[in-house]
Amino acid sequence: MTLSPRPADPKIAHERRETKTMNINVLARPAALAVLGALAVAACGGSSGTSGSSSRLSTPRPVAVATGNPTQPVTLQESGSTLVLPYLQKMVEPLQADYPNIKLAPSGGGSGKGISDAIAGTVQLGGSDAYLSDAQAQQNPDLLNIPIAISAQAINYNLPGVDNLRLSGSVLADIYMGKITKWNDPAIAKLNPNIHNLPAQTIVPVRRVESSGDTFIFTSLLSATSRAWQDGPGFGTTIAWPAVPGELTATGNPGMVQVCKQTPGCVAYIGVSVENTALQEGLGEALLQNKAGNFVKPTQQTITAAVNARAATIPNDLRASLIYAPGAQSYPIVNYEYLMVKEHQSDPQVALALRTFLTWAIDPSKGASSTNLAAVNFVALPSTVIPKVKAAIAKIGG
């Protein structure tokens, strides 16, 4: 089912969403994702919507970013998204080889923690699959949303003998609301006419327990494809999940893999940075129905197709969604991976280290090498987005 746009204006969607009981994270109300119908890519309301002025979408003039090796050792502490964590871990050694005085120290904890820690100033970098909501952006005007790569999310399941299962956002919404409880439900069978061995097995939905950007992008798809979900739980890094008998929770993407592996009949949303592990553990990977009605898996081709459909609409503040993009080959759960950074740093050497690392991280010959990206199934930022990202990085000073 494709959800018709209601409301069409992402600003209205954001205002309506903030009246619901959807606790986004411990510091702010829901991050508004304009994923509704045809406007699914717009950044969240307010200053970041595609309905904003042309200055919000215009390409800034090329800027030179001041970079270099600090004169003293600087450690850049990072916390947050477990989806982006494996990618950052691959950058630690090559970054220090190029800049001996810059040490990157990434950790996990979930996107909600990354945003909270960046706001509190306990880390220099907050990793997040979700950009700041309007409320968070207004309350923290010094915090920059810096995308460093493109990622996606797979839907995995534990049904031995069932391959190439097809699912849709609306069916997943019904599963996570407890309306569809068996794998041979007519709604699932209708999507899979070529699978004749769907078991009468109970579906066990698995979800993240902590404030999570993976939850943000997964529930964004559910909101974009299910009117009942849009008007009910909504989307966010933390939401009021419907109570489903037998449901399970897990912490982090590795935890989602392990819980699903141990639970016959499970279905789980898992970031593609651990996709290889999920497949090695024997989990199936669903083909998801995209906005064009086609069923696709998260591949370099389908992720790139979604990016190409939406990259031109990223606003200057870089808060944007790639969920449910149009296009025959577009994968429906694609997102920017963000690092949250304070624009004003108390130490000029830290500011220099941040500018240097972030510029290095988006360079296709450095951090964003094809080897690093392929290892976690990510895609590089499109060239049309890079000037805006560099303009944001250049603001970091101390």
Protein backbone atom coordinates (compact mmCIF):
# COMPACT_ATOMS: atom_id res chain seq x y z
CA MET A 1 0.00 0.00 0.00
CA THR A 2 1.28 3.45 -0.90
CA LEU A 3 0.28 6.15 1.54
CA SER A 4 -1.22 9.21 -0.01
CA PRO A 5 0.28 12.41 1.33
CA ARG A 6 -1.52 13.65 4.43
CA PRO A 7 -0.50 16.23 5.40
CA ALA A 8 1.55 17.23 2.37
CA ASP A 9 3.37 20.09 4.06
CA PRO A 10 6.33 18.76 6.10
CA LYS A 11 6.03 21.73 8.47
CA ILE A 12 2.45 20.71 9.27
CA ALA A 13 3.56 17.09 9.59
CA HIS A 14 6.18 18.14 12.11
CA GLU A 15 3.76 20.26 14.13
CA ARG A 16 1.17 17.49 14.16
CA ARG A 17 3.75 14.90 15.07
CA GLU A 18 4.98 16.91 18.04
CA THR A 19 1.47 16.77 19.55
CA LYS A 20 1.65 12.97 19.73
CA THR A 21 3.17 10.83 22.46
CA MET A 22 6.31 9.83 20.64
CA ASN A 23 9.34 10.56 22.79
CA ILE A 24 12.18 10.98 20.29
CA ASN A 25 15.00 10.95 22.83
CA VAL A 26 15.78 12.14 26.30
CA LEU A 27 16.50 15.67 25.17
CA ALA A 28 13.94 16.57 22.57
CA ARG A 29 10.63 15.85 21.04
CA PRO A 30 10.38 13.85 17.80
CA ALA A 31 12.79 14.54 15.02
CA ALA A 32 10.50 15.49 12.19
CA LEU A 33 11.02 13.40 9.09
CA ALA A 34 9.08 14.60 6.08
CA VAL A 35 8.58 11.09 4.81
CA LEU A 36 4.92 11.46 4.00
CA GLY A 37 3.94 10.49 0.47
CA ALA A 38 5.52 12.48 -2.30
CA LEU A 39 7.45 14.71 0.09
CA ALA A 40 9.28 11.84 1.78
CA VAL A 41 12.70 13.37 1.29
CA ALA A 42 12.14 16.81 2.70
CA ALA A 43 14.16 17.59 5.75
CA CYS A 44 12.19 18.05 8.92
CA GLY A 45 9.90 21.09 8.76
CA GLY A 46 11.02 24.54 9.80
CA SER A 47 14.33 25.61 8.42
CA SER A 48 15.09 22.39 6.60
CA GLY A 49 12.06 21.60 4.47
CA THR A 50 12.30 21.50 0.71
CA SER A 51 9.38 23.90 0.67
CA GLY A 52 11.74 26.54 2.09
CA SER A 53 13.31 29.40 0.21
CA SER A 54 15.78 28.82 -2.59
CA SER A 55 18.60 30.01 -0.33
CA ARG A 56 18.06 26.93 1.80
CA LEU A 57 18.59 24.67 -1.18
CA SER A 58 21.04 26.67 -3.25
CA THR A 59 24.57 25.39 -3.66
CA PRO A 60 26.98 27.52 -1.62
CA ARG A 61 30.05 28.97 -3.23
CA PRO A 62 33.07 26.67 -2.99
CA VAL A 63 34.94 27.31 0.24
CA ALA A 64 38.44 26.41 1.31
CA VAL A 65 38.51 24.38 4.52
CA ALA A 66 41.53 25.06 6.71
CA THR A 67 43.01 21.66 7.58
CA GLY A 68 46.29 20.28 8.87
CA ASN A 69 47.99 18.31 11.60
CA PRO A 70 47.49 19.97 15.02
CA THR A 71 50.60 21.11 16.84
CA GLN A 72 49.68 18.90 19.78
CA PRO A 73 47.88 15.54 20.13
CA VAL A 74 44.08 15.77 19.92
CA THR A 75 41.69 12.91 20.63
CA LEU A 76 38.28 13.19 18.97
CA GLN A 77 35.82 11.29 21.12
CA GLU A 78 32.73 9.93 19.34
CA SER A 79 29.63 8.14 20.60
CA GLY A 80 26.35 7.16 19.01
CA SER A 81 25.06 5.16 16.08
CA THR A 82 25.96 1.48 15.98
CA LEU A 83 25.25 1.62 12.26
CA VAL A 84 28.04 4.11 11.57
CA LEU A 85 30.38 2.70 14.25
CA PRO A 86 32.05 -0.01 12.09
CA TYR A 87 32.70 2.59 9.40
CA LEU A 88 34.39 4.97 11.85
CA GLN A 89 36.44 2.15 13.32
CA LYS A 90 37.97 1.53 9.91
CA MET A 91 39.15 5.14 9.79
CA VAL A 92 41.10 5.17 13.07
CA GLU A 93 44.46 3.87 11.84
CA PRO A 94 44.59 5.49 8.38
CA LEU A 95 43.58 8.86 9.86
CA GLN A 96 46.42 8.78 12.38
CA ALA A 97 48.82 7.64 9.67
CA ASP A 98 47.99 10.80 7.70
CA TYR A 99 47.70 13.07 10.75
CA PRO A 100 49.76 11.70 13.67
CA ASN A 101 48.35 14.19 16.15
CA ILE A 102 44.71 13.30 15.49
CA LYS A 103 43.29 10.25 17.21
CA LEU A 104 39.72 9.17 16.49
CA ALA A 105 38.06 7.29 19.37
CA PRO A 106 34.63 6.00 18.25
CA SER A 107 32.16 4.16 20.48
CA GLY A 108 28.51 3.11 20.27
CA GLY A 109 25.45 3.64 22.41
CA GLY A 110 22.84 4.49 19.80
CA SER A 111 22.02 7.66 17.87
CA GLY A 112 20.07 9.15 20.75
CA LYS A 113 23.16 8.95 22.93
CA GLY A 114 25.31 10.42 20.17
CA ILE A 115 23.04 13.44 19.82
CA SER A 116 22.72 13.87 23.60
CA ASP A 117 26.47 13.61 24.14
CA ALA A 118 27.22 16.08 21.35
CA ILE A 119 24.74 18.56 22.79
CA ALA A 120 26.18 18.11 26.30
CA GLY A 121 29.72 18.50 24.99
CA THR A 122 30.92 15.22 26.47
CA VAL A 123 32.12 14.15 23.01
CA GLN A 124 33.37 16.12 20.02
CA LEU A 125 31.42 13.95 17.56
CA GLY A 126 27.94 12.51 17.93
CA GLY A 127 27.17 9.74 15.46
CA SER A 128 23.56 9.54 14.32
CA ASP A 129 21.41 8.03 11.60
CA ALA A 130 18.88 10.75 12.38
CA TYR A 131 19.35 14.46 11.83
CA LEU A 132 18.29 16.99 14.45
CA SER A 133 14.60 17.70 14.81
CA ASP A 134 13.35 21.26 14.45
CA ALA A 135 13.11 21.52 18.23
CA GLN A 136 16.65 20.24 18.72
CA ALA A 137 18.03 22.50 15.97
CA GLN A 138 16.32 25.56 17.43
CA GLN A 139 17.52 24.77 20.95
CA ASN A 140 21.07 24.01 19.77
CA PRO A 141 21.87 26.44 16.93
CA ASP A 142 25.60 25.79 17.44
CA LEU A 143 25.26 22.10 16.53
CA LEU A 144 26.04 21.14 12.91
CA ASN A 145 24.64 18.09 11.10
CA ILE A 146 27.56 16.76 9.02
CA PRO A 147 26.75 13.81 6.73
CA ILE A 148 29.78 11.66 5.94
CA ALA A 149 28.29 8.75 3.96
CA ILE A 150 25.09 7.06 2.81
CA SER A 151 23.82 3.91 4.51
CA ALA A 152 20.74 1.74 4.40
CA GLN A 153 18.82 -0.71 6.53
CA ALA A 154 17.95 -4.32 5.78
CA ILE A 155 14.95 -6.27 6.97
CA ASN A 156 16.14 -9.66 8.15
CA TYR A 157 14.21 -12.73 9.22
CA ASN A 158 14.74 -16.21 10.65
CA LEU A 159 12.78 -18.65 8.49
CA PRO A 160 15.00 -21.52 7.36
CA GLY A 161 14.09 -22.69 3.86
CA VAL A 162 12.32 -19.45 2.93
CA ASP A 163 14.40 -17.41 0.52
CA ASN A 164 13.79 -14.07 -1.18
CA LEU A 165 10.84 -13.21 1.02
CA ARG A 166 8.99 -10.10 -0.12
CA LEU A 167 7.70 -7.57 2.39
CA SER A 168 6.25 -4.08 2.26
CA GLY A 169 6.25 -1.16 4.65
CA SER A 170 2.54 -1.51 5.32
CA VAL A 171 2.85 -5.24 6.09
CA LEU A 172 5.77 -4.54 8.43
CA ALA A 173 3.65 -1.89 10.15
CA ASP A 174 0.89 -4.44 10.70
CA ILE A 175 3.43 -6.93 12.06
CA TYR A 176 4.85 -4.41 14.53
CA MET A 177 1.31 -3.43 15.56
CA GLY A 178 0.36 -7.07 16.16
CA LYS A 179 -2.23 -7.14 13.37
CA ILE A 180 -0.31 -9.77 11.38
CA THR A 181 0.95 -12.55 13.64
CA LYS A 182 1.66 -15.56 11.39
CA TRP A 183 4.12 -15.92 8.52
CA ASN A 184 1.46 -17.50 6.30
CA ASP A 185 -0.91 -14.56 6.76
CA PRO A 186 -2.81 -13.78 3.53
CA ALA A 187 -1.20 -10.32 3.31
CA ILE A 188 2.29 -11.86 3.28
CA ALA A 189 1.22 -14.70 0.97
CA LYS A 190 -0.15 -12.15 -1.50
CA LEU A 191 3.27 -10.50 -1.75
CA ASN A 192 4.92 -13.91 -2.25
CA PRO A 193 2.97 -15.90 -4.85
CA ASN A 194 6.09 -17.94 -5.70
CA ILE A 195 6.70 -19.08 -2.12
CA HIS A 196 4.49 -22.04 -1.33
CA ASN A 197 6.01 -23.04 2.00
CA LEU A 198 5.25 -20.04 4.19
CA PRO A 199 4.93 -21.58 7.65
CA ALA A 200 2.05 -21.09 10.07
CA GLN A 201 4.68 -19.86 12.48
CA THR A 202 4.29 -17.00 14.90
CA ILE A 203 6.11 -13.84 13.85
CA VAL A 204 8.41 -12.44 16.54
CA PRO A 205 9.09 -8.73 15.89
CA VAL A 206 12.42 -7.53 17.29
CA ARG A 207 13.08 -3.85 17.97
CA ARG A 208 15.77 -1.70 19.49
CA VAL A 209 15.46 -0.94 23.19
CA GLU A 210 17.66 2.18 23.27
CA SER A 211 17.20 5.52 21.53
CA SER A 212 18.20 4.55 18.02
CA GLY A 213 18.63 6.11 14.61
CA ASP A 214 17.84 2.70 13.13
CA THR A 215 14.46 2.93 14.84
CA PHE A 216 14.12 6.46 13.43
CA ILE A 217 14.59 5.39 9.81
CA PHE A 218 12.62 2.14 10.16
CA THR A 219 9.60 3.85 11.67
CA SER A 220 9.93 6.60 9.07
CA LEU A 221 9.26 3.98 6.39
CA LEU A 222 6.31 2.63 8.37
CA SER A 223 4.89 6.14 8.68
CA ALA A 224 5.35 6.71 4.94
CA THR A 225 3.50 3.52 3.98
CA SER A 226 0.88 2.95 6.69
CA ARG A 227 -1.79 5.47 7.65
CA ALA A 228 -2.45 3.56 10.87
CA TRP A 229 1.22 3.75 11.85
CA GLN A 230 1.49 7.39 10.85
CA ASP A 231 -1.50 8.29 13.01
CA GLY A 232 -0.40 5.98 15.83
CA PRO A 233 3.17 5.33 16.96
CA GLY A 234 4.72 7.65 14.37
CA PHE A 235 8.47 7.89 13.90
CA GLY A 236 11.45 8.76 16.04
CA THR A 237 14.59 7.48 17.67
CA THR A 238 12.31 6.40 20.51
CA ILE A 239 8.57 5.81 20.12
CA ALA A 240 5.68 4.32 22.08
CA TRP A 241 5.77 0.86 20.50
CA PRO A 242 2.49 -1.07 20.32
CA ALA A 243 2.47 -4.04 22.68
CA VAL A 244 2.83 -7.24 20.64
CA PRO A 245 2.74 -10.62 22.41
CA GLY A 246 6.11 -12.33 22.17
CA GLU A 247 8.00 -9.28 20.88
CA LEU A 248 11.69 -8.98 21.76
CA THR A 249 14.14 -6.12 22.17
CA ALA A 250 17.86 -5.81 21.52
CA THR A 251 20.63 -3.26 21.95
CA GLY A 252 22.59 -2.13 18.92
CA ASN A 253 22.75 -3.71 15.49
CA PRO A 254 24.95 -6.61 16.67
CA GLY A 255 22.34 -7.31 19.34
CA MET A 256 19.58 -7.35 16.73
CA VAL A 257 21.51 -9.95 14.74
CA GLN A 258 22.06 -12.19 17.75
CA VAL A 259 18.47 -12.00 19.04
CA CYS A 260 17.07 -12.75 15.61
CA LYS A 261 19.52 -15.61 15.09
CA GLN A 262 18.38 -17.19 18.35
CA THR A 263 14.66 -16.71 17.63
CA PRO A 264 12.93 -18.78 14.93
CA GLY A 265 10.22 -16.74 13.26
CA CYS A 266 11.82 -13.39 14.03
CA VAL A 267 11.83 -10.27 11.87
CA ALA A 268 14.24 -7.42 12.59
CA TYR A 269 15.50 -4.15 11.13
CA ILE A 270 19.29 -4.19 10.91
CA GLY A 271 21.75 -1.62 9.54
CA VAL A 272 23.70 -2.70 6.47
CA SER A 273 27.04 -2.12 8.20
CA VAL A 274 26.47 -5.53 9.84
CA GLU A 275 24.64 -7.02 6.86
CA ASN A 276 27.46 -9.46 6.14
CA THR A 277 27.32 -10.73 9.72
CA ALA A 278 23.54 -11.16 9.55
CA LEU A 279 23.82 -13.23 6.39
CA GLN A 280 26.71 -15.29 7.78
CA GLU A 281 24.57 -16.07 10.81
CA GLY A 282 21.95 -17.57 8.51
CA LEU A 283 19.35 -14.81 8.56
CA GLY A 284 17.31 -14.16 5.45
CA GLU A 285 17.18 -10.73 3.87
CA ALA A 286 13.84 -9.50 2.57
CA LEU A 287 13.15 -7.77 -0.70
CA LEU A 288 11.30 -4.58 0.20
CA GLN A 289 8.60 -2.98 -1.91
CA ASN A 290 9.68 0.48 -3.00
CA LYS A 291 7.59 3.48 -3.91
CA ALA A 292 7.40 2.32 -7.55
CA GLY A 293 5.97 -1.04 -6.40
CA ASN A 294 9.11 -3.06 -7.15
CA PHE A 295 10.81 -5.39 -4.68
CA VAL A 296 14.50 -4.70 -4.08
CA LYS A 297 17.32 -5.53 -1.69
CA PRO A 298 19.87 -3.03 -0.34
CA THR A 299 22.68 -3.07 -2.90
CA GLN A 300 25.11 -0.45 -4.15
CA GLN A 301 22.84 0.00 -7.17
CA THR A 302 19.54 0.37 -5.30
CA ILE A 303 21.00 2.58 -2.56
CA THR A 304 22.61 4.81 -5.16
CA ALA A 305 19.33 5.01 -7.07
CA ALA A 306 17.60 6.37 -3.97
CA VAL A 307 20.40 8.87 -3.39
CA ASN A 308 20.28 10.10 -6.98
CA ALA A 309 16.54 10.63 -6.70
CA ARG A 310 16.90 12.88 -3.68
CA ALA A 311 20.40 14.36 -3.41
CA ALA A 312 19.49 17.60 -5.19
CA THR A 313 16.96 18.44 -2.47
CA ILE A 314 19.31 18.51 0.51
CA PRO A 315 19.03 21.90 2.26
CA ASN A 316 22.00 23.95 3.37
CA ASP A 317 21.59 22.85 6.98
CA LEU A 318 21.96 19.26 5.68
CA ARG A 319 18.94 17.86 7.54
CA ALA A 320 17.28 15.61 4.97
CA SER A 321 15.69 12.21 4.45
CA LEU A 322 16.24 9.64 1.74
CA ILE A 323 13.40 7.39 2.93
CA TYR A 324 10.97 5.96 0.36
CA ALA A 325 12.55 7.72 -2.61
CA PRO A 326 10.92 7.51 -6.05
CA GLY A 327 12.44 5.44 -8.82
CA ALA A 328 12.11 1.92 -10.17
CA GLN A 329 15.32 0.71 -8.51
CA SER A 330 15.37 2.85 -5.35
CA TYR A 331 15.72 0.98 -2.07
CA PRO A 332 13.17 2.39 0.42
CA ILE A 333 15.25 2.60 3.63
CA VAL A 334 18.27 4.77 2.82
CA ASN A 335 19.74 7.54 4.97
CA TYR A 336 22.59 9.95 5.52
CA GLU A 337 25.01 9.01 8.28
CA TYR A 338 25.62 12.11 10.40
CA LEU A 339 28.25 13.34 12.79
CA MET A 340 26.97 16.08 15.10
CA VAL A 341 29.62 18.72 15.80
CA LYS A 342 29.55 22.02 17.67
CA GLU A 343 30.41 24.93 15.42
CA HIS A 344 32.26 26.82 18.15
CA GLN A 345 35.07 24.96 19.88
CA SER A 346 36.91 26.24 22.95
CA ASP A 347 40.27 25.00 21.66
CA PRO A 348 41.53 26.05 18.19
CA GLN A 349 43.55 22.85 17.95
CA VAL A 350 40.43 20.75 18.48
CA ALA A 351 38.62 22.82 15.86
CA LEU A 352 41.47 22.21 13.43
CA ALA A 353 41.40 18.49 14.17
CA LEU A 354 37.64 18.34 13.57
CA ARG A 355 37.85 20.21 10.26
CA THR A 356 40.73 18.03 9.17
CA PHE A 357 39.09 14.75 10.11
CA LEU A 358 35.71 15.59 8.58
CA THR A 359 37.28 16.81 5.33
CA TRP A 360 39.43 13.67 5.25
CA ALA A 361 36.41 11.48 6.05
CA ILE A 362 34.44 12.57 2.96
CA ASP A 363 37.43 12.43 0.62
CA PRO A 364 37.04 9.43 -1.76
CA SER A 365 40.82 8.97 -1.77
CA LYS A 366 40.99 8.93 2.04
CA GLY A 367 38.28 8.06 4.58
CA ALA A 368 35.55 7.60 1.99
CA SER A 369 37.60 5.14 -0.04
CA SER A 370 35.76 2.45 -1.95
CA THR A 371 37.42 -0.13 0.31
CA ASN A 372 36.13 1.46 3.52
CA LEU A 373 32.66 2.01 2.09
CA ALA A 374 32.34 -1.48 0.64
CA ALA A 375 33.36 -3.07 3.95
CA VAL A 376 30.18 -1.73 5.57
CA ASN A 377 27.99 -1.62 2.44
CA PHE A 378 27.86 2.18 2.46
CA VAL A 379 27.80 4.57 -0.52
CA ALA A 380 29.82 7.76 -0.86
CA LEU A 381 28.18 11.16 -0.61
CA PRO A 382 27.16 12.37 -4.09
CA SER A 383 29.30 15.11 -5.59
CA THR A 384 26.34 17.50 -5.57
CA VAL A 385 26.20 17.31 -1.76
CA ILE A 386 29.92 17.73 -1.05
CA PRO A 387 30.04 21.57 -1.46
CA LYS A 388 27.34 22.02 1.17
CA VAL A 389 29.08 19.59 3.52
CA LYS A 390 32.39 21.42 3.12
CA ALA A 391 30.68 24.74 3.73
CA ALA A 392 29.36 23.37 7.02
CA ILE A 393 32.75 21.93 8.00
CA ALA A 394 34.41 25.28 7.31
CA LYS A 395 32.23 26.87 10.02
CA ILE A 396 33.93 24.91 12.78
CA GLY A 397 36.24 27.26 14.64
CA GLY A 398 37.75 27.92 18.00
